Amino acid sequence: MRQIEITDREAGQRLDKFLRKYMKDAPGGFLYKMLRKKNITLNSQKADGSEKLAVGDLVRLFFSEETLAGFGAGGADGRLSEADRKQVKEGYDAYRAFGKLQVLYEDRHVLLVNKPVGILSQKADIRQLSLNEWLTGYLLETGKITETGLQTFHPSVCNRLDRNTSGIVICGKSLYGSQEMARIIKERSLHKYYLLYVEGQMDKGQTIEGYLYKDETSNRVEIFRTKKPGSVRIVTAYRPVLTGQRETLVEAELITGKTHQIRAHLAAAGFPLVGDGKYGNVQRNEERRRKSGITHQLLHAYRVVFPELSGELKPLSGMEIKAPLPPVFSRLGGRLPEL
């Protein structure tokens, strides 16, 4: 028999979902059968799997260690399953590869990190490392999660930035934190602001709407004024912050949040981002690459403002968190504003 005490990392999810994570290779029907036969119990009582887990709950599994290992649950002595060992290794590999990234805020449930250019938020294939793996490595390295703790909860990023976009990424350290961050992002009550350089002189800001269509094959999007089949409505607000001779520093707020939204929407409005290889000005980009070494779009997620929250995340209510601008923004000249 093995007993598992639920921590705040696992609390808030259904028992059957927890069991599927803990015994990754067990058939779903088998788990429900074992619940009915009381080979799996919750707080010594019969359960059907729909129960919401709370901190301190005791899940008992009346199986042999060989059976549990065969279902991918690892060993009672702390030995991990092959999948969990892989996650641990990738976490440490990413932490060594990316180093000590700037953590802007951290509590028991969430972490905000300043992502540099060149790092994926989530890996696109199994050979890559991303911020997701770095997060696991960081939490392991700092002792905020144990290797065995990864059997039942995988910390992960809650919002994505393009590889060559820098700035704030929100991460969930617990199931509760991940769920709450996913909720406020989906509800659009979390306000996300970006600083970016665009080509041309912008003299006024506005809120623009349109419809975005993504071509999955080319990973490019198109912007239309009217709805087209497969397109989604987008809204972007922006205002000039600092206007130069050939470019403007702009603050943009994502009212909606879709793939390449800021880059494509502003390009469609006549203000392509400086250095943008997909939607920018090819001639200007090459000129800036030669003269200033700018090789990617100058787009930085620099500020988030949290809505009213409750429970253990209440201290985040109304909090504003900022990420310093990367040095590349100063290469265009002009005095950058204080953040």
Protein backbone atom coordinates (compact mmCIF):
# COMPACT_ATOMS: atom_id res chain seq x y z
CA MET A 1 0.00 0.00 0.00
CA ARG A 2 1.18 3.52 -0.80
CA GLN A 3 -0.17 6.68 0.82
CA ILE A 4 0.04 10.13 -0.80
CA GLU A 5 -0.67 13.35 1.09
CA ILE A 6 -2.01 16.14 -1.12
CA THR A 7 -0.07 19.41 -1.05
CA ASP A 8 -1.04 22.83 -2.34
CA ARG A 9 0.59 21.94 -5.65
CA GLU A 10 -2.01 19.24 -6.36
CA ALA A 11 -5.02 20.64 -4.47
CA GLY A 12 -8.04 21.86 -6.41
CA GLN A 13 -8.15 19.13 -9.04
CA ARG A 14 -10.43 16.11 -9.30
CA LEU A 15 -9.22 12.86 -7.81
CA ASP A 16 -9.46 10.98 -11.13
CA LYS A 17 -7.31 13.61 -12.87
CA PHE A 18 -4.72 13.34 -10.11
CA LEU A 19 -4.68 9.55 -10.42
CA ARG A 20 -4.15 9.73 -14.18
CA LYS A 21 -1.10 11.91 -13.60
CA TYR A 22 0.26 9.72 -10.82
CA MET A 23 -0.25 6.44 -12.67
CA LYS A 24 0.38 7.63 -16.21
CA ASP A 25 0.27 4.20 -17.83
CA ALA A 26 -2.83 2.84 -16.09
CA PRO A 27 -5.97 2.50 -18.27
CA GLY A 28 -8.70 4.95 -17.32
CA GLY A 29 -11.29 2.23 -16.93
CA PHE A 30 -8.98 0.35 -14.58
CA LEU A 31 -8.70 3.34 -12.23
CA TYR A 32 -12.48 3.67 -11.93
CA LYS A 33 -12.80 -0.06 -11.32
CA MET A 34 -10.23 0.17 -8.51
CA LEU A 35 -12.12 3.11 -7.00
CA ARG A 36 -15.32 1.08 -6.97
CA LYS A 37 -13.54 -1.87 -5.31
CA LYS A 38 -11.90 0.46 -2.74
CA ASN A 39 -8.41 -0.47 -3.91
CA ILE A 40 -8.04 3.30 -4.15
CA THR A 41 -9.48 5.39 -1.33
CA LEU A 42 -9.65 9.04 -0.34
CA ASN A 43 -9.26 9.74 3.37
CA SER A 44 -10.01 6.03 4.01
CA GLN A 45 -13.39 6.39 2.29
CA LYS A 46 -14.75 5.04 -0.98
CA ALA A 47 -14.52 7.61 -3.78
CA ASP A 48 -15.76 7.81 -7.37
CA GLY A 49 -13.07 10.11 -8.77
CA SER A 50 -15.12 13.28 -9.01
CA GLU A 51 -14.04 14.58 -5.58
CA LYS A 52 -12.04 17.83 -5.47
CA LEU A 53 -8.76 17.33 -3.63
CA ALA A 54 -7.79 19.59 -0.73
CA VAL A 55 -4.49 20.15 1.06
CA GLY A 56 -3.94 17.34 3.57
CA ASP A 57 -6.17 14.77 1.86
CA LEU A 58 -4.79 11.22 1.94
CA VAL A 59 -4.96 9.07 -1.17
CA ARG A 60 -4.25 5.38 -0.52
CA LEU A 61 -3.31 2.97 -3.29
CA PHE A 62 -3.66 -0.70 -2.33
CA PHE A 63 -1.28 -2.10 -4.96
CA SER A 64 2.11 -3.77 -4.89
CA GLU A 65 5.17 -1.66 -5.67
CA GLU A 66 5.69 -3.71 -8.84
CA THR A 67 2.17 -2.88 -10.03
CA LEU A 68 2.62 0.82 -9.30
CA ALA A 69 5.95 0.90 -11.10
CA GLY A 70 4.32 -0.81 -14.08
CA PHE A 71 1.71 1.96 -14.20
CA GLY A 72 4.43 4.62 -14.31
CA ALA A 73 4.09 5.72 -10.69
CA GLY A 74 7.77 5.41 -9.81
CA GLY A 75 8.98 3.80 -6.62
CA ALA A 76 8.09 4.40 -2.98
CA ASP A 77 11.81 4.91 -2.31
CA GLY A 78 11.80 8.03 -4.47
CA ARG A 79 12.76 6.39 -7.73
CA LEU A 80 11.16 8.18 -10.66
CA SER A 81 9.45 6.79 -13.72
CA GLU A 82 11.25 7.17 -17.03
CA ALA A 83 9.00 10.09 -18.04
CA ASP A 84 9.65 11.91 -14.76
CA ARG A 85 13.41 11.31 -15.00
CA LYS A 86 13.32 12.85 -18.47
CA GLN A 87 11.51 15.91 -17.14
CA VAL A 88 14.04 16.33 -14.34
CA LYS A 89 16.97 16.05 -16.76
CA GLU A 90 15.47 18.56 -19.19
CA GLY A 91 14.83 20.95 -16.32
CA TYR A 92 18.42 20.91 -15.15
CA ASP A 93 19.67 21.08 -18.77
CA ALA A 94 17.56 24.19 -19.45
CA TYR A 95 18.61 25.83 -16.19
CA ARG A 96 22.27 25.33 -17.08
CA ALA A 97 21.73 26.47 -20.68
CA PHE A 98 19.74 29.65 -19.92
CA GLY A 99 21.26 30.56 -16.57
CA LYS A 100 19.73 32.61 -13.77
CA LEU A 101 16.98 34.52 -15.54
CA GLN A 102 15.56 37.60 -13.84
CA VAL A 103 12.65 36.66 -11.57
CA LEU A 104 10.43 39.73 -11.21
CA TYR A 105 7.96 38.33 -8.68
CA GLU A 106 7.45 35.03 -6.87
CA ASP A 107 5.16 33.57 -4.23
CA ARG A 108 3.96 30.06 -3.38
CA HIS A 109 1.73 29.83 -6.44
CA VAL A 110 3.06 32.01 -9.27
CA LEU A 111 6.32 33.32 -10.67
CA LEU A 112 6.94 36.12 -13.19
CA VAL A 113 10.18 35.94 -15.15
CA ASN A 114 11.80 38.33 -17.64
CA LYS A 115 12.32 36.17 -20.74
CA PRO A 116 15.27 37.15 -22.95
CA VAL A 117 15.15 37.04 -26.73
CA GLY A 118 16.07 33.67 -28.23
CA ILE A 119 14.26 31.42 -25.72
CA LEU A 120 11.04 29.61 -26.58
CA SER A 121 8.17 29.88 -24.10
CA GLN A 122 7.24 26.27 -24.83
CA LYS A 123 9.16 23.82 -26.98
CA ALA A 124 7.85 23.01 -30.42
CA ASP A 125 9.40 19.53 -30.58
CA ILE A 126 11.00 17.04 -28.20
CA ARG A 127 14.56 18.05 -29.06
CA GLN A 128 14.18 21.64 -27.85
CA LEU A 129 14.47 23.27 -24.45
CA SER A 130 12.22 26.15 -23.45
CA LEU A 131 11.22 28.39 -20.58
CA ASN A 132 8.91 25.60 -19.43
CA GLU A 133 11.90 23.33 -18.80
CA TRP A 134 13.89 26.21 -17.26
CA LEU A 135 11.05 26.74 -14.77
CA THR A 136 11.27 23.11 -13.65
CA GLY A 137 15.07 23.39 -13.34
CA TYR A 138 14.83 26.64 -11.38
CA LEU A 139 12.32 25.20 -8.90
CA LEU A 140 14.40 22.04 -8.45
CA GLU A 141 17.67 23.98 -8.11
CA THR A 142 16.20 26.31 -5.48
CA GLY A 143 14.48 23.51 -3.55
CA LYS A 144 10.96 24.80 -4.20
CA ILE A 145 9.84 21.52 -5.70
CA THR A 146 11.18 18.00 -5.31
CA GLU A 147 11.84 15.48 -8.03
CA THR A 148 9.09 13.23 -6.65
CA GLY A 149 6.75 16.23 -6.56
CA LEU A 150 6.92 16.31 -10.35
CA GLN A 151 5.02 13.01 -10.48
CA THR A 152 1.74 14.78 -9.75
CA PHE A 153 2.24 18.39 -10.84
CA HIS A 154 4.19 19.93 -13.71
CA PRO A 155 4.91 23.66 -13.31
CA SER A 156 4.38 25.51 -16.57
CA VAL A 157 4.20 28.90 -18.27
CA CYS A 158 0.72 30.45 -18.47
CA ASN A 159 1.24 32.88 -21.36
CA ARG A 160 3.49 32.68 -24.39
CA LEU A 161 5.84 35.12 -26.08
CA ASP A 162 7.46 34.57 -29.48
CA ARG A 163 11.05 33.35 -29.40
CA ASN A 164 12.35 36.79 -30.37
CA THR A 165 10.01 38.77 -28.12
CA SER A 166 11.35 39.55 -24.65
CA GLY A 167 9.64 40.36 -21.39
CA ILE A 168 7.20 39.12 -18.78
CA VAL A 169 6.08 35.51 -18.77
CA ILE A 170 3.74 34.32 -16.01
CA CYS A 171 4.34 30.82 -14.64
CA GLY A 172 2.28 28.56 -12.40
CA LYS A 173 4.10 26.95 -9.46
CA SER A 174 0.99 25.16 -8.20
CA LEU A 175 -2.22 23.90 -9.75
CA TYR A 176 -4.13 26.70 -8.01
CA GLY A 177 -1.74 29.33 -9.35
CA SER A 178 -1.86 27.90 -12.88
CA GLN A 179 -5.66 27.76 -12.89
CA GLU A 180 -6.08 31.31 -11.59
CA MET A 181 -3.60 32.76 -14.07
CA ALA A 182 -5.24 30.87 -16.93
CA ARG A 183 -8.60 32.23 -15.82
CA ILE A 184 -7.64 35.92 -15.73
CA ILE A 185 -5.81 35.62 -19.05
CA LYS A 186 -8.85 33.99 -20.68
CA GLU A 187 -11.20 36.57 -19.15
CA ARG A 188 -8.87 39.37 -20.33
CA SER A 189 -8.90 40.94 -16.88
CA LEU A 190 -5.09 40.80 -16.75
CA HIS A 191 -3.76 43.92 -18.50
CA LYS A 192 -0.64 43.28 -20.62
CA TYR A 193 1.42 46.15 -22.05
CA TYR A 194 4.28 46.07 -24.55
CA LEU A 195 6.95 48.55 -25.64
CA LEU A 196 8.06 48.35 -29.26
CA TYR A 197 9.77 50.33 -31.95
CA VAL A 198 7.94 50.84 -35.25
CA GLU A 199 9.09 52.28 -38.55
CA GLY A 200 7.82 55.81 -39.24
CA GLN A 201 6.60 58.74 -37.19
CA MET A 202 3.42 58.04 -35.25
CA ASP A 203 1.70 61.19 -34.02
CA LYS A 204 -1.32 59.75 -32.22
CA GLY A 205 -2.56 56.55 -30.66
CA GLN A 206 -5.78 54.67 -31.19
CA THR A 207 -7.55 51.38 -30.66
CA ILE A 208 -7.84 49.32 -33.82
CA GLU A 209 -9.89 46.24 -34.61
CA GLY A 210 -9.61 43.62 -37.30
CA TYR A 211 -9.71 39.91 -38.06
CA LEU A 212 -6.67 37.68 -37.89
CA TYR A 213 -6.22 34.51 -39.93
CA LYS A 214 -3.32 32.17 -39.16
CA ASP A 215 -1.71 29.97 -41.80
CA GLU A 216 -0.46 27.03 -39.75
CA THR A 217 1.84 25.83 -42.55
CA SER A 218 3.85 29.05 -42.83
CA ASN A 219 3.27 30.24 -39.23
CA ARG A 220 2.23 33.61 -40.60
CA VAL A 221 -0.94 35.57 -40.02
CA GLU A 222 -2.98 37.92 -42.19
CA ILE A 223 -5.09 40.84 -41.01
CA PHE A 224 -8.46 41.66 -42.59
CA ARG A 225 -10.90 44.49 -41.94
CA THR A 226 -13.90 42.19 -42.25
CA LYS A 227 -14.43 38.64 -41.01
CA LYS A 228 -13.13 35.86 -43.26
CA PRO A 229 -13.60 32.10 -42.87
CA GLY A 230 -11.29 30.84 -40.12
CA SER A 231 -10.39 34.32 -38.86
CA VAL A 232 -10.79 35.64 -35.30
CA ARG A 233 -11.53 39.16 -34.10
CA ILE A 234 -8.61 41.10 -32.61
CA VAL A 235 -8.32 44.44 -30.80
CA THR A 236 -5.07 46.31 -30.20
CA ALA A 237 -4.59 49.66 -28.44
CA TYR A 238 -1.43 51.72 -28.93
CA ARG A 239 0.05 55.16 -28.33
CA PRO A 240 3.34 56.85 -29.23
CA VAL A 241 5.80 57.29 -26.36
CA LEU A 242 8.88 58.73 -28.09
CA THR A 243 8.96 59.87 -31.74
CA GLY A 244 12.25 60.01 -33.64
CA GLN A 245 13.24 60.93 -37.19
CA ARG A 246 12.63 57.46 -38.63
CA GLU A 247 10.94 55.43 -35.91
CA THR A 248 8.60 55.70 -32.93
CA LEU A 249 8.71 54.01 -29.54
CA VAL A 250 5.17 52.77 -28.92
CA GLU A 251 3.24 51.33 -25.99
CA ALA A 252 0.67 48.73 -27.03
CA GLU A 253 -1.94 46.91 -25.00
CA LEU A 254 -3.33 43.57 -26.13
CA ILE A 255 -7.08 43.72 -25.65
CA THR A 256 -7.20 40.30 -27.27
CA GLY A 257 -4.16 38.05 -27.44
CA LYS A 258 -3.51 36.10 -30.63
CA THR A 259 -0.44 34.80 -32.47
CA HIS A 260 1.73 37.66 -33.82
CA GLN A 261 -1.13 40.08 -33.12
CA ILE A 262 0.88 43.21 -32.35
CA ARG A 263 3.40 42.60 -35.11
CA ALA A 264 0.86 41.94 -37.86
CA HIS A 265 -1.79 44.41 -36.71
CA LEU A 266 0.58 47.39 -36.56
CA ALA A 267 2.18 46.40 -39.86
CA ALA A 268 -1.28 46.38 -41.44
CA ALA A 269 -1.87 49.85 -39.94
CA GLY A 270 1.29 51.13 -41.69
CA PHE A 271 3.71 50.83 -38.76
CA PRO A 272 5.78 47.63 -39.12
CA LEU A 273 8.00 46.75 -36.17
CA VAL A 274 11.69 47.57 -36.42
CA GLY A 275 13.63 44.37 -37.11
CA ASP A 276 10.59 42.19 -37.77
CA GLY A 277 11.60 39.50 -40.27
CA LYS A 278 8.03 38.32 -40.96
CA TYR A 279 5.98 41.50 -41.23
CA GLY A 280 8.59 44.27 -41.33
CA ASN A 281 10.35 46.39 -43.95
CA VAL A 282 13.00 44.15 -45.54
CA GLN A 283 15.23 47.00 -46.76
CA ARG A 284 15.12 48.89 -43.46
CA ASN A 285 15.72 45.68 -41.50
CA GLU A 286 18.87 44.93 -43.49
CA GLU A 287 20.12 48.49 -43.04
CA ARG A 288 19.57 48.36 -39.27
CA ARG A 289 21.22 44.95 -39.07
CA ARG A 290 24.37 46.34 -40.70
CA LYS A 291 24.49 49.63 -38.79
CA SER A 292 23.11 48.71 -35.38
CA GLY A 293 23.24 44.91 -35.16
CA ILE A 294 19.44 44.67 -34.76
CA THR A 295 18.49 41.14 -35.83
CA HIS A 296 14.98 40.71 -34.41
CA GLN A 297 11.79 42.66 -33.77
CA LEU A 298 12.08 45.22 -30.97
CA LEU A 299 9.10 44.03 -28.96
CA HIS A 300 9.14 43.74 -25.16
CA ALA A 301 6.34 42.69 -22.80
CA TYR A 302 7.25 45.24 -20.16
CA ARG A 303 4.26 45.61 -17.82
CA VAL A 304 1.32 43.65 -16.40
CA VAL A 305 -1.41 44.87 -14.06
CA PHE A 306 -3.37 42.28 -12.11
CA PRO A 307 -7.13 42.46 -11.50
CA GLU A 308 -8.82 42.00 -8.14
CA LEU A 309 -8.02 38.50 -6.87
CA SER A 310 -9.15 36.52 -3.86
CA GLY A 311 -7.86 33.74 -1.66
CA GLU A 312 -4.13 33.14 -1.45
CA LEU A 313 -3.50 35.34 -4.50
CA LYS A 314 -5.23 38.40 -3.00
CA PRO A 315 -1.86 40.17 -2.39
CA LEU A 316 -1.51 40.36 -6.20
CA SER A 317 -4.71 42.42 -6.53
CA GLY A 318 -4.02 45.60 -8.49
CA MET A 319 -0.27 44.95 -8.47
CA GLU A 320 1.78 46.34 -11.35
CA ILE A 321 4.93 44.44 -12.32
CA LYS A 322 7.47 45.71 -14.85
CA ALA A 323 10.40 44.20 -16.73
CA PRO A 324 13.40 46.44 -17.63
CA LEU A 325 13.96 47.11 -21.32
CA PRO A 326 16.75 45.05 -22.90
CA PRO A 327 19.84 47.06 -23.99
CA VAL A 328 19.07 46.61 -27.71
CA PHE A 329 16.29 49.21 -27.39
CA SER A 330 18.88 51.95 -26.80
CA ARG A 331 20.62 51.38 -30.15
CA LEU A 332 18.21 53.61 -32.07
CA GLY A 333 19.25 56.72 -30.15
CA GLY A 334 17.17 59.06 -28.11
CA ARG A 335 16.63 59.00 -24.39
CA LEU A 336 14.39 56.14 -23.37
CA PRO A 337 11.60 57.00 -20.89
CA GLU A 338 11.65 55.76 -17.32
CA LEU A 339 9.55 52.63 -16.92
